[in-house]
C-alpha atoms as a PDB file:
ATOM      1  CA  MET A   1      52.799  14.503  -4.152  1.00  0.00           C
ATOM      2  CA  LYS A   2      52.128  11.312  -2.192  1.00  0.00           C
ATOM      3  CA  LYS A   3      48.582  10.886  -3.521  1.00  0.00           C
ATOM      4  CA  TYR A   4      49.838  11.188  -7.108  1.00  0.00           C
ATOM      5  CA  LEU A   5      52.429   8.458  -6.478  1.00  0.00           C
ATOM      6  CA  ILE A   6      49.690   6.251  -5.032  1.00  0.00           C
ATOM      7  CA  LYS A   7      47.534   6.968  -8.067  1.00  0.00           C
ATOM      8  CA  TYR A   8      50.393   6.065 -10.435  1.00  0.00           C
ATOM      9  CA  TYR A   9      51.066   2.805  -8.562  1.00  0.00           C
ATOM     10  CA  LEU A  10      47.400   1.783  -8.649  1.00  0.00           C
ATOM     11  CA  ILE A  11      47.103   2.617 -12.347  1.00  0.00           C
ATOM     12  CA  MET A  12      50.083   0.407 -13.155  1.00  0.00           C
ATOM     13  CA  ARG A  13      48.589  -2.450 -11.142  1.00  0.00           C
ATOM     14  CA  TYR A  14      45.149  -1.957 -12.693  1.00  0.00           C
ATOM     15  CA  LEU A  15      46.363  -1.335 -16.262  1.00  0.00           C
ATOM     16  CA  PRO A  16      46.030  -4.937 -17.577  1.00  0.00           C
ATOM     17  CA  PHE A  17      42.344  -5.036 -16.587  1.00  0.00           C
ATOM     18  CA  LEU A  18      41.820  -1.486 -17.828  1.00  0.00           C
ATOM     19  CA  LEU A  19      43.204  -2.366 -21.260  1.00  0.00           C
ATOM     20  CA  PHE A  20      42.159  -5.979 -21.737  1.00  0.00           C
ATOM     21  CA  GLY A  21      39.572  -6.894 -19.099  1.00  0.00           C
ATOM     22  CA  LYS A  22      35.947  -7.373 -20.163  1.00  0.00           C
ATOM     23  CA  LYS A  23      33.862  -4.613 -18.629  1.00  0.00           C
ATOM     24  CA  PRO A  24      30.097  -4.423 -18.119  1.00  0.00           C
ATOM     25  CA  THR A  25      27.895  -2.310 -20.372  1.00  0.00           C
ATOM     26  CA  ILE A  26      26.758   0.671 -18.292  1.00  0.00           C
ATOM     27  CA  LEU A  27      24.409   3.415 -19.442  1.00  0.00           C
ATOM     28  CA  SER A  28      25.399   7.058 -19.126  1.00  0.00           C
ATOM     29  CA  PHE A  29      23.831   9.420 -16.584  1.00  0.00           C
ATOM     30  CA  ASP A  30      21.373  10.761 -19.182  1.00  0.00           C
ATOM     31  CA  GLN A  31      20.508   7.311 -20.512  1.00  0.00           C
ATOM     32  CA  THR A  32      19.850   6.027 -16.993  1.00  0.00           C
ATOM     33  CA  VAL A  33      17.451   8.871 -16.172  1.00  0.00           C
ATOM     34  CA  GLU A  34      15.708   8.527 -19.535  1.00  0.00           C
ATOM     35  CA  GLU A  35      15.238   4.790 -18.989  1.00  0.00           C
ATOM     36  CA  ILE A  36      13.645   5.462 -15.592  1.00  0.00           C
ATOM     37  CA  ILE A  37      11.256   8.095 -16.965  1.00  0.00           C
ATOM     38  CA  ARG A  38      10.400   6.642 -20.367  1.00  0.00           C
ATOM     39  CA  ASN A  39       9.827   3.068 -19.199  1.00  0.00           C
ATOM     40  CA  LYS A  40       8.902   3.857 -15.584  1.00  0.00           C
ATOM     41  CA  LYS A  41      11.569   1.454 -14.383  1.00  0.00           C
ATOM     42  CA  SER A  42      12.506   0.923 -10.776  1.00  0.00           C
ATOM     43  CA  LEU A  43      16.181   1.414  -9.894  1.00  0.00           C
ATOM     44  CA  ALA A  44      18.395  -0.843  -7.757  1.00  0.00           C
ATOM     45  CA  ARG A  45      21.883   0.578  -7.190  1.00  0.00           C
ATOM     46  CA  PHE A  46      25.079  -1.354  -6.461  1.00  0.00           C
ATOM     47  CA  GLY A  47      27.825   0.845  -5.044  1.00  0.00           C
ATOM     48  CA  ASP A  48      31.040  -0.185  -3.340  1.00  0.00           C
ATOM     49  CA  GLY A  49      29.171  -1.095  -0.130  1.00  0.00           C
ATOM     50  CA  GLU A  50      26.635  -3.354  -1.830  1.00  0.00           C
ATOM     51  CA  ILE A  51      29.395  -5.040  -3.830  1.00  0.00           C
ATOM     52  CA  CYS A  52      31.424  -5.773  -0.686  1.00  0.00           C
ATOM     53  CA  ILE A  53      28.395  -7.253   1.085  1.00  0.00           C
ATOM     54  CA  LEU A  54      27.464  -9.316  -1.975  1.00  0.00           C
ATOM     55  CA  LEU A  55      31.007 -10.709  -2.045  1.00  0.00           C
ATOM     56  CA  LEU A  56      31.019 -11.114   1.776  1.00  0.00           C
ATOM     57  CA  GLU A  57      34.189  -9.033   1.911  1.00  0.00           C
ATOM     58  CA  GLY A  58      35.239  -7.092   5.007  1.00  0.00           C
ATOM     59  CA  GLU A  59      33.088  -6.518   8.071  1.00  0.00           C
ATOM     60  CA  GLY A  60      30.204  -4.654   6.470  1.00  0.00           C
ATOM     61  CA  ILE A  61      29.824  -0.928   5.923  1.00  0.00           C
ATOM     62  CA  GLY A  62      29.238   1.933   8.339  1.00  0.00           C
ATOM     63  CA  PHE A  63      25.493   1.464   8.672  1.00  0.00           C
ATOM     64  CA  GLN A  64      25.003  -2.187   7.684  1.00  0.00           C
ATOM     65  CA  LYS A  65      26.725  -5.210   9.162  1.00  0.00           C
ATOM     66  CA  LEU A  66      27.797  -8.097   6.961  1.00  0.00           C
ATOM     67  CA  ASP A  67      24.782 -10.372   6.532  1.00  0.00           C
ATOM     68  CA  TYR A  68      24.715 -13.689   4.655  1.00  0.00           C
ATOM     69  CA  GLU A  69      21.017 -13.447   3.789  1.00  0.00           C
ATOM     70  CA  LEU A  70      21.508  -9.897   2.502  1.00  0.00           C
ATOM     71  CA  SER A  71      24.405 -11.141   0.362  1.00  0.00           C
ATOM     72  CA  LEU A  72      22.146 -13.797  -1.172  1.00  0.00           C
ATOM     73  CA  ARG A  73      19.411 -11.254  -1.866  1.00  0.00           C
ATOM     74  CA  LEU A  74      21.887  -8.876  -3.509  1.00  0.00           C
ATOM     75  CA  SER A  75      23.121 -11.715  -5.720  1.00  0.00           C
ATOM     76  CA  GLU A  76      19.512 -12.359  -6.739  1.00  0.00           C
ATOM     77  CA  VAL A  77      18.999  -8.695  -7.603  1.00  0.00           C
ATOM     78  CA  ILE A  78      22.187  -8.226  -9.625  1.00  0.00           C
ATOM     79  CA  ASN A  79      21.325 -11.235 -11.794  1.00  0.00           C
ATOM     80  CA  HIS A  80      17.718 -10.208 -12.397  1.00  0.00           C
ATOM     81  CA  GLN A  81      16.804  -9.996 -16.094  1.00  0.00           C
ATOM     82  CA  GLY A  82      13.245  -8.599 -16.003  1.00  0.00           C
ATOM     83  CA  ASP A  83      12.065  -5.389 -17.670  1.00  0.00           C
ATOM     84  CA  LYS A  84      10.567  -3.674 -14.601  1.00  0.00           C
ATOM     85  CA  LEU A  85      13.892  -3.019 -12.885  1.00  0.00           C
ATOM     86  CA  LEU A  86      17.073  -1.249 -13.942  1.00  0.00           C
ATOM     87  CA  VAL A  87      19.984  -2.702 -11.986  1.00  0.00           C
ATOM     88  CA  SER A  88      22.931  -0.328 -11.844  1.00  0.00           C
ATOM     89  CA  LEU A  89      26.690  -0.543 -11.318  1.00  0.00           C
ATOM     90  CA  PRO A  90      29.328   2.163 -10.773  1.00  0.00           C
ATOM     91  CA  ASN A  91      30.491   3.725 -14.049  1.00  0.00           C
ATOM     92  CA  THR A  92      34.066   3.404 -12.816  1.00  0.00           C
ATOM     93  CA  PHE A  93      35.255   0.073 -14.239  1.00  0.00           C
ATOM     94  CA  GLY A  94      36.902   1.678 -17.244  1.00  0.00           C
ATOM     95  CA  LYS A  95      38.078   5.202 -17.989  1.00  0.00           C
ATOM     96  CA  ILE A  96      37.611   7.504 -14.998  1.00  0.00           C
ATOM     97  CA  SER A  97      39.271  10.668 -16.257  1.00  0.00           C
ATOM     98  CA  GLU A  98      36.326  12.830 -15.122  1.00  0.00           C
ATOM     99  CA  LEU A  99      36.930  12.020 -11.454  1.00  0.00           C
ATOM    100  CA  ARG A 100      38.988  14.085  -9.023  1.00  0.00           C
ATOM    101  CA  VAL A 101      42.268  12.566  -7.811  1.00  0.00           C
ATOM    102  CA  GLU A 102      40.935  11.280  -4.477  1.00  0.00           C
ATOM    103  CA  SER A 103      38.074   9.484  -6.217  1.00  0.00           C
ATOM    104  CA  LYS A 104      40.398   8.021  -8.843  1.00  0.00           C
ATOM    105  CA  ILE A 105      42.639   6.589  -6.126  1.00  0.00           C
ATOM    106  CA  PHE A 106      39.647   5.054  -4.359  1.00  0.00           C
ATOM    107  CA  TRP A 107      38.179   3.460  -7.483  1.00  0.00           C
ATOM    108  CA  TYR A 108      41.484   2.201  -8.867  1.00  0.00           C
ATOM    109  CA  GLY A 109      42.106   0.524  -5.518  1.00  0.00           C
ATOM    110  CA  PHE A 110      38.562  -0.817  -5.269  1.00  0.00           C
ATOM    111  CA  ASN A 111      38.578  -2.190  -8.803  1.00  0.00           C
ATOM    112  CA  LEU A 112      41.976  -3.768  -8.257  1.00  0.00           C
ATOM    113  CA  ALA A 113      40.559  -5.656  -5.278  1.00  0.00           C
ATOM    114  CA  TYR A 114      37.037  -6.490  -6.438  1.00  0.00           C
ATOM    115  CA  ALA A 115      36.373  -5.867 -10.158  1.00  0.00           C
ATOM    116  CA  LYS A 116      37.223  -9.375 -11.367  1.00  0.00           C
ATOM    117  CA  LYS A 117      35.292 -10.958  -8.489  1.00  0.00           C
ATOM    118  CA  ILE A 118      32.094  -9.010  -9.098  1.00  0.00           C
ATOM    119  CA  LEU A 119      32.237  -9.388 -12.882  1.00  0.00           C
ATOM    120  CA  LYS A 120      32.276 -13.170 -12.447  1.00  0.00           C
ATOM    121  CA  LYS A 121      28.918 -12.910 -10.693  1.00  0.00           C
ATOM    122  CA  ILE A 122      26.951 -10.884 -13.241  1.00  0.00           C
ATOM    123  CA  PRO A 123      25.410 -11.743 -16.625  1.00  0.00           C
ATOM    124  CA  THR A 124      27.736 -10.863 -19.505  1.00  0.00           C
ATOM    125  CA  ASN A 125      24.874  -9.772 -21.792  1.00  0.00           C
ATOM    126  CA  LYS A 126      23.156  -7.461 -19.303  1.00  0.00           C
ATOM    127  CA  VAL A 127      22.940  -3.675 -19.686  1.00  0.00           C
ATOM    128  CA  PHE A 128      23.241  -1.820 -16.375  1.00  0.00           C
ATOM    129  CA  GLY A 129      22.258   1.650 -15.288  1.00  0.00           C
ATOM    130  CA  ASP A 130      24.718   4.091 -13.754  1.00  0.00           C
ATOM    131  CA  THR A 131      24.859   3.750  -9.964  1.00  0.00           C
ATOM    132  CA  ASN A 132      26.465   7.185  -9.705  1.00  0.00           C
ATOM    133  CA  VAL A 133      23.366   8.836 -11.135  1.00  0.00           C
ATOM    134  CA  THR A 134      22.696   9.980  -7.549  1.00  0.00           C
ATOM    135  CA  ARG A 135      26.360  10.874  -6.938  1.00  0.00           C
ATOM    136  CA  PHE A 136      26.508  13.739  -9.384  1.00  0.00           C
ATOM    137  CA  TYR A 137      28.786  16.187  -7.582  1.00  0.00           C
ATOM    138  CA  MET A 138      31.545  15.416  -5.097  1.00  0.00           C
ATOM    139  CA  MET A 139      33.488  12.725  -6.965  1.00  0.00           C
ATOM    140  CA  TYR A 140      33.878  14.767 -10.160  1.00  0.00           C
ATOM    141  CA  LYS A 141      36.510  17.335 -11.128  1.00  0.00           C
ATOM    142  CA  ASP A 142      33.966  19.508 -12.897  1.00  0.00           C
ATOM    143  CA  LYS A 143      31.852  21.139 -10.199  1.00  0.00           C
ATOM    144  CA  SER A 144      30.707  24.035 -12.362  1.00  0.00           C
ATOM    145  CA  HIS A 145      27.251  25.285 -11.408  1.00  0.00           C
ATOM    146  CA  LEU A 146      25.685  24.892 -14.847  1.00  0.00           C
ATOM    147  CA  ASN A 147      27.003  21.363 -15.366  1.00  0.00           C
ATOM    148  CA  VAL A 148      25.751  20.096 -11.995  1.00  0.00           C
ATOM    149  CA  LEU A 149      22.455  21.988 -12.206  1.00  0.00           C
ATOM    150  CA  LYS A 150      21.745  20.345 -15.557  1.00  0.00           C
ATOM    151  CA  LYS A 151      22.043  16.928 -13.898  1.00  0.00           C
ATOM    152  CA  VAL A 152      19.954  17.998 -10.906  1.00  0.00           C
ATOM    153  CA  ASN A 153      17.156  19.303 -13.119  1.00  0.00           C
ATOM    154  CA  LYS A 154      17.152  16.072 -15.098  1.00  0.00           C
ATOM    155  CA  LEU A 155      16.780  14.107 -11.859  1.00  0.00           C
ATOM    156  CA  LYS A 156      14.033  16.441 -10.644  1.00  0.00           C
ATOM    157  CA  SER A 157      12.045  15.691 -13.785  1.00  0.00           C
ATOM    158  CA  ILE A 158      11.585  12.128 -12.508  1.00  0.00           C
ATOM    159  CA  TRP A 159       9.345  13.223  -9.613  1.00  0.00           C
ATOM    160  CA  GLU A 160       7.776  16.269 -11.307  1.00  0.00           C
ATOM    161  CA  ASN A 161       4.135  16.418 -10.064  1.00  0.00           C
ATOM    162  CA  GLN A 162       4.441  12.962  -8.490  1.00  0.00           C
ATOM    163  CA  ASP A 163       3.125  11.907  -5.092  1.00  0.00           C
ATOM    164  CA  ILE A 164       6.287  10.544  -3.501  1.00  0.00           C
ATOM    165  CA  LEU A 165       6.836   8.239  -0.555  1.00  0.00           C
ATOM    166  CA  ILE A 166      10.308   8.535   0.953  1.00  0.00           C
ATOM    167  CA  VAL A 167      11.662   5.502   2.814  1.00  0.00           C
ATOM    168  CA  GLU A 168      14.749   6.525   4.766  1.00  0.00           C
ATOM    169  CA  GLY A 169      16.802   6.262   7.939  1.00  0.00           C
ATOM    170  CA  VAL A 170      15.636   8.354  10.885  1.00  0.00           C
ATOM    171  CA  GLU A 171      18.429  10.925  10.471  1.00  0.00           C
ATOM    172  CA  THR A 172      18.522  11.038   6.653  1.00  0.00           C
ATOM    173  CA  LYS A 173      15.811  13.678   6.083  1.00  0.00           C
ATOM    174  CA  LEU A 174      15.722  13.750   2.293  1.00  0.00           C
ATOM    175  CA  GLY A 175      14.722  17.152   0.970  1.00  0.00           C
ATOM    176  CA  VAL A 176      14.749  18.868   4.372  1.00  0.00           C
ATOM    177  CA  GLY A 177      16.540  22.217   4.180  1.00  0.00           C
ATOM    178  CA  ASN A 178      16.572  22.299   0.379  1.00  0.00           C
ATOM    179  CA  ASN A 179      14.240  22.376  -2.631  1.00  0.00           C
ATOM    180  CA  LEU A 180      15.199  19.017  -4.115  1.00  0.00           C
ATOM    181  CA  PHE A 181      11.602  17.737  -4.066  1.00  0.00           C
ATOM    182  CA  ALA A 182       9.816  21.092  -4.285  1.00  0.00           C
ATOM    183  CA  ASN A 183       8.322  20.123  -7.654  1.00  0.00           C
ATOM    184  CA  ALA A 184       6.695  16.950  -6.290  1.00  0.00           C
ATOM    185  CA  ASN A 185       2.927  16.981  -5.809  1.00  0.00           C
ATOM    186  CA  SER A 186       3.159  15.621  -2.254  1.00  0.00           C
ATOM    187  CA  ILE A 187       5.693  14.076   0.122  1.00  0.00           C
ATOM    188  CA  SER A 188       5.186  11.422   2.788  1.00  0.00           C
ATOM    189  CA  ARG A 189       7.734   9.339   4.691  1.00  0.00           C
ATOM    190  CA  ILE A 190       8.418   6.047   6.381  1.00  0.00           C
ATOM    191  CA  LEU A 191      11.284   6.273   8.863  1.00  0.00           C
ATOM    192  CA  CYS A 192      13.469   3.201   9.364  1.00  0.00           C
ATOM    193  CA  PRO A 193      16.487   2.300  11.507  1.00  0.00           C
ATOM    194  CA  SER A 194      19.608   4.197  10.453  1.00  0.00           C
ATOM    195  CA  LYS A 195      21.757   1.114  11.081  1.00  0.00           C
ATOM    196  CA  ASN A 196      21.226  -2.515  10.073  1.00  0.00           C
ATOM    197  CA  ALA A 197      17.849  -1.799   8.476  1.00  0.00           C
ATOM    198  CA  PHE A 198      17.893  -5.213   6.809  1.00  0.00           C
ATOM    199  CA  SER A 199      17.133  -6.778  10.201  1.00  0.00           C
ATOM    200  CA  ASN A 200      13.701  -5.127   9.923  1.00  0.00           C
ATOM    201  CA  TYR A 201      13.267  -5.926   6.249  1.00  0.00           C
ATOM    202  CA  GLN A 202       9.855  -7.594   6.313  1.00  0.00           C
ATOM    203  CA  ASP A 203       8.294  -4.863   8.461  1.00  0.00           C
ATOM    204  CA  ILE A 204       9.704  -2.199   6.135  1.00  0.00           C
ATOM    205  CA  PHE A 205       8.541  -4.041   3.018  1.00  0.00           C
ATOM    206  CA  GLU A 206       4.987  -4.491   4.301  1.00  0.00           C
ATOM    207  CA  SER A 207       4.799  -0.867   5.418  1.00  0.00           C
ATOM    208  CA  VAL A 208       5.951   0.408   2.023  1.00  0.00           C
ATOM    209  CA  LYS A 209       3.341  -1.735   0.277  1.00  0.00           C
ATOM    210  CA  LYS A 210       0.676  -0.342   2.614  1.00  0.00           C
ATOM    211  CA  TYR A 211       1.516   3.324   2.043  1.00  0.00           C
ATOM    212  CA  GLY A 212       3.117   3.254  -1.406  1.00  0.00           C
ATOM    213  CA  LYS A 213       0.158   2.579  -3.672  1.00  0.00           C
ATOM    214  CA  ASN A 214       0.002   4.980  -6.637  1.00  0.00           C
ATOM    215  CA  LYS A 215       3.147   6.743  -5.433  1.00  0.00           C
ATOM    216  CA  LEU A 216       6.721   7.068  -6.616  1.00  0.00           C
ATOM    217  CA  ILE A 217       8.759   5.422  -3.858  1.00  0.00           C
ATOM    218  CA  LEU A 218      12.196   6.905  -3.136  1.00  0.00           C
ATOM    219  CA  LEU A 219      14.473   4.682  -1.071  1.00  0.00           C
ATOM    220  CA  ALA A 220      17.496   5.874   0.911  1.00  0.00           C
ATOM    221  CA  LEU A 221      18.419   2.926   3.094  1.00  0.00           C
ATOM    222  CA  GLY A 222      21.784   1.542   1.997  1.00  0.00           C
ATOM    223  CA  PRO A 223      21.904  -2.049   0.702  1.00  0.00           C
ATOM    224  CA  THR A 224      18.391  -2.634   2.066  1.00  0.00           C
ATOM    225  CA  ALA A 225      17.131  -0.142  -0.532  1.00  0.00           C
ATOM    226  CA  THR A 226      18.731  -2.178  -3.321  1.00  0.00           C
ATOM    227  CA  VAL A 227      16.726  -5.256  -2.343  1.00  0.00           C
ATOM    228  CA  LEU A 228      13.565  -3.241  -1.650  1.00  0.00           C
ATOM    229  CA  ALA A 229      13.627  -1.679  -5.122  1.00  0.00           C
ATOM    230  CA  TYR A 230      13.766  -5.167  -6.623  1.00  0.00           C
ATOM    231  CA  ASP A 231      11.012  -6.689  -4.482  1.00  0.00           C
ATOM    232  CA  LEU A 232       8.717  -3.694  -4.930  1.00  0.00           C
ATOM    233  CA  SER A 233       9.213  -3.680  -8.698  1.00  0.00           C
ATOM    234  CA  GLN A 234       8.059  -7.293  -8.809  1.00  0.00           C
ATOM    235  CA  GLU A 235       4.792  -6.216  -7.187  1.00  0.00           C
ATOM    236  CA  ASN A 236       4.292  -3.396  -9.715  1.00  0.00           C
ATOM    237  CA  PHE A 237       5.435  -0.517  -7.520  1.00  0.00           C
ATOM    238  CA  TRP A 238       7.682   2.204  -8.940  1.00  0.00           C
ATOM    239  CA  ALA A 239      10.641   2.346  -6.559  1.00  0.00           C
ATOM    240  CA  LEU A 240      13.979   4.123  -6.942  1.00  0.00           C
ATOM    241  CA  ASP A 241      17.062   3.646  -4.791  1.00  0.00           C
ATOM    242  CA  VAL A 242      18.273   7.251  -4.480  1.00  0.00           C
ATOM    243  CA  GLY A 243      20.873   6.904  -1.738  1.00  0.00           C
ATOM    244  CA  HIS A 244      23.279   9.887  -1.376  1.00  0.00           C
ATOM    245  CA  ILE A 245      21.172  12.162  -3.592  1.00  0.00           C
ATOM    246  CA  ASP A 246      20.267  14.616  -0.809  1.00  0.00           C
ATOM    247  CA  VAL A 247      23.813  14.797   0.578  1.00  0.00           C
ATOM    248  CA  GLU A 248      25.234  15.410  -2.895  1.00  0.00           C
ATOM    249  CA  TYR A 249      22.691  18.158  -3.500  1.00  0.00           C
ATOM    250  CA  MET A 250      23.478  19.829  -0.174  1.00  0.00           C
ATOM    251  CA  TRP A 251      27.216  19.733  -0.925  1.00  0.00           C
ATOM    252  CA  PHE A 252      26.474  21.316  -4.296  1.00  0.00           C
ATOM    253  CA  LEU A 253      24.437  24.112  -2.668  1.00  0.00           C
ATOM    254  CA  MET A 254      27.267  24.658  -0.160  1.00  0.00           C
ATOM    255  CA  ASN A 255      29.906  24.744  -2.941  1.00  0.00           C
ATOM    256  CA  ALA A 256      31.774  22.150  -0.874  1.00  0.00           C
ATOM    257  CA  THR A 257      35.005  20.770  -2.306  1.00  0.00           C
ATOM    258  CA  GLU A 258      35.411  18.091   0.382  1.00  0.00           C
ATOM    259  CA  LYS A 259      32.905  15.887   2.192  1.00  0.00           C
ATOM    260  CA  VAL A 260      31.576  17.855   5.154  1.00  0.00           C
ATOM    261  CA  GLY A 261      28.881  17.485   7.783  1.00  0.00           C
ATOM    262  CA  ILE A 262      25.369  18.813   7.172  1.00  0.00           C
ATOM    263  CA  LYS A 263      23.431  20.377  10.020  1.00  0.00           C
ATOM    264  CA  GLY A 264      20.593  18.189  11.247  1.00  0.00           C
ATOM    265  CA  LYS A 265      21.425  15.215   9.001  1.00  0.00           C
ATOM    266  CA  SER A 266      23.470  12.062   9.272  1.00  0.00           C
ATOM    267  CA  VAL A 267      26.288  11.901   6.716  1.00  0.00           C
ATOM    268  CA  ASN A 268      27.774   8.410   6.777  1.00  0.00           C
ATOM    269  CA  GLU A 269      30.857   9.412   4.775  1.00  0.00           C
ATOM    270  CA  TYR A 270      31.688  12.275   7.124  1.00  0.00           C
ATOM    271  CA  ASN A 271      33.242  10.638  10.167  1.00  0.00           C
ATOM    272  CA  ARG A 272      31.982  13.165  12.717  1.00  0.00           C
ATOM    273  CA  GLY A 273      28.419  12.081  12.030  1.00  0.00           C
ATOM    274  CA  ILE A 274      25.569  14.141  13.469  1.00  0.00           C
ATOM    275  CA  SER A 275      25.675  16.184  16.654  1.00  0.00           C
ATOM    276  CA  GLU A 276      23.071  15.771  19.382  1.00  0.00           C
ATOM    277  CA  ASN A 277      21.945  19.394  19.086  1.00  0.00           C
ATOM    278  CA  ASP A 278      21.589  19.169  15.329  1.00  0.00           C
ATOM    279  CA  SER A 279      19.517  15.996  15.553  1.00  0.00           C
ATOM    280  CA  LYS A 280      16.889  17.860  17.590  1.00  0.00           C
ATOM    281  CA  SER A 281      16.412  20.657  15.069  1.00  0.00           C
ATOM    282  CA  ILE A 282      13.575  18.989  13.189  1.00  0.00           C
ATOM    283  CA  ASP A 283      11.390  21.012  10.856  1.00  0.00           C
ATOM    284  CA  THR A 284       7.658  20.981  11.677  1.00  0.00           C
ATOM    285  CA  LEU A 285       6.722  20.428   8.036  1.00  0.00           C
ATOM    286  CA  TYR A 286       9.085  17.459   7.977  1.00  0.00           C
ATOM    287  CA  GLU A 287       7.366  15.934  11.017  1.00  0.00           C
ATOM    288  CA  GLN A 288       4.003  16.283   9.315  1.00  0.00           C
ATOM    289  CA  THR A 289       5.178  14.138   6.396  1.00  0.00           C
ATOM    290  CA  ILE A 290       5.993  11.128   8.609  1.00  0.00           C
ATOM    291  CA  LEU A 291       3.418   8.348   8.233  1.00  0.00           C
ATOM    292  CA  THR A 292       5.064   5.753  10.434  1.00  0.00           C
ATOM    293  CA  LYS A 293       8.339   4.850  12.094  1.00  0.00           C
ATOM    294  CA  ILE A 294       9.777   1.333  12.115  1.00  0.00           C
ATOM    295  CA  GLU A 295      12.076   0.459  15.018  1.00  0.00           C
END
């Protein structure tokens, strides 16, 4: 009962913006994926964490401290107008009827605090992709197998027969323990710090340029990935910020209805994190995909 009262209160507070506020133009899930495939666009995603760092609000997020230089870079990315990069925002500024109650409460509260601030910082004529293209499961009411699988298969078509380079935190392990990238031609990895990766930005950037030629680059590195996707796109690399995609897929396979831990992987949004024993259970095939590790 309490969460419904909170939801009602937030809706009433947010209602003027919901009804009369100018909202950004954001592509649908399908349109976002089609734009990536058809025009081979890179993808830079702004979620709640990136928005807070851009606005210099709070003390940072779980795996990235507040950083003034990172805030400036994120501002540069969100205002970019070129045709090589699709900048994306959460599709939660307007009607969010498809979300489960907990997600509605979060986004009503977030928008109440930050929507007007972030909208002042972005071009009014810009069309954005959908940031939640990689968050296709947990936040939605409809968790039916066919509905989610349709989205997953559409995402998988992006890397069909591609040589992919994954750039991720050391405990992220995209595709390990599932078949998310089974249709890729090959997989290689660059491992980066799980926390405050932006402090190693130049080393990461140079390493990706070294190993990423003629590959589809998949980035899972928090706000650092948002900036990387932009910088790499400007040097004619195809780079997609796919943060949360593996966790969402694992939750889908587990039929999870709440955010839970995943054996052997770090889950930032699950407060218990990763256990020491789990962190040592590393697949041999996974180890063979690692090209280099940046510390």
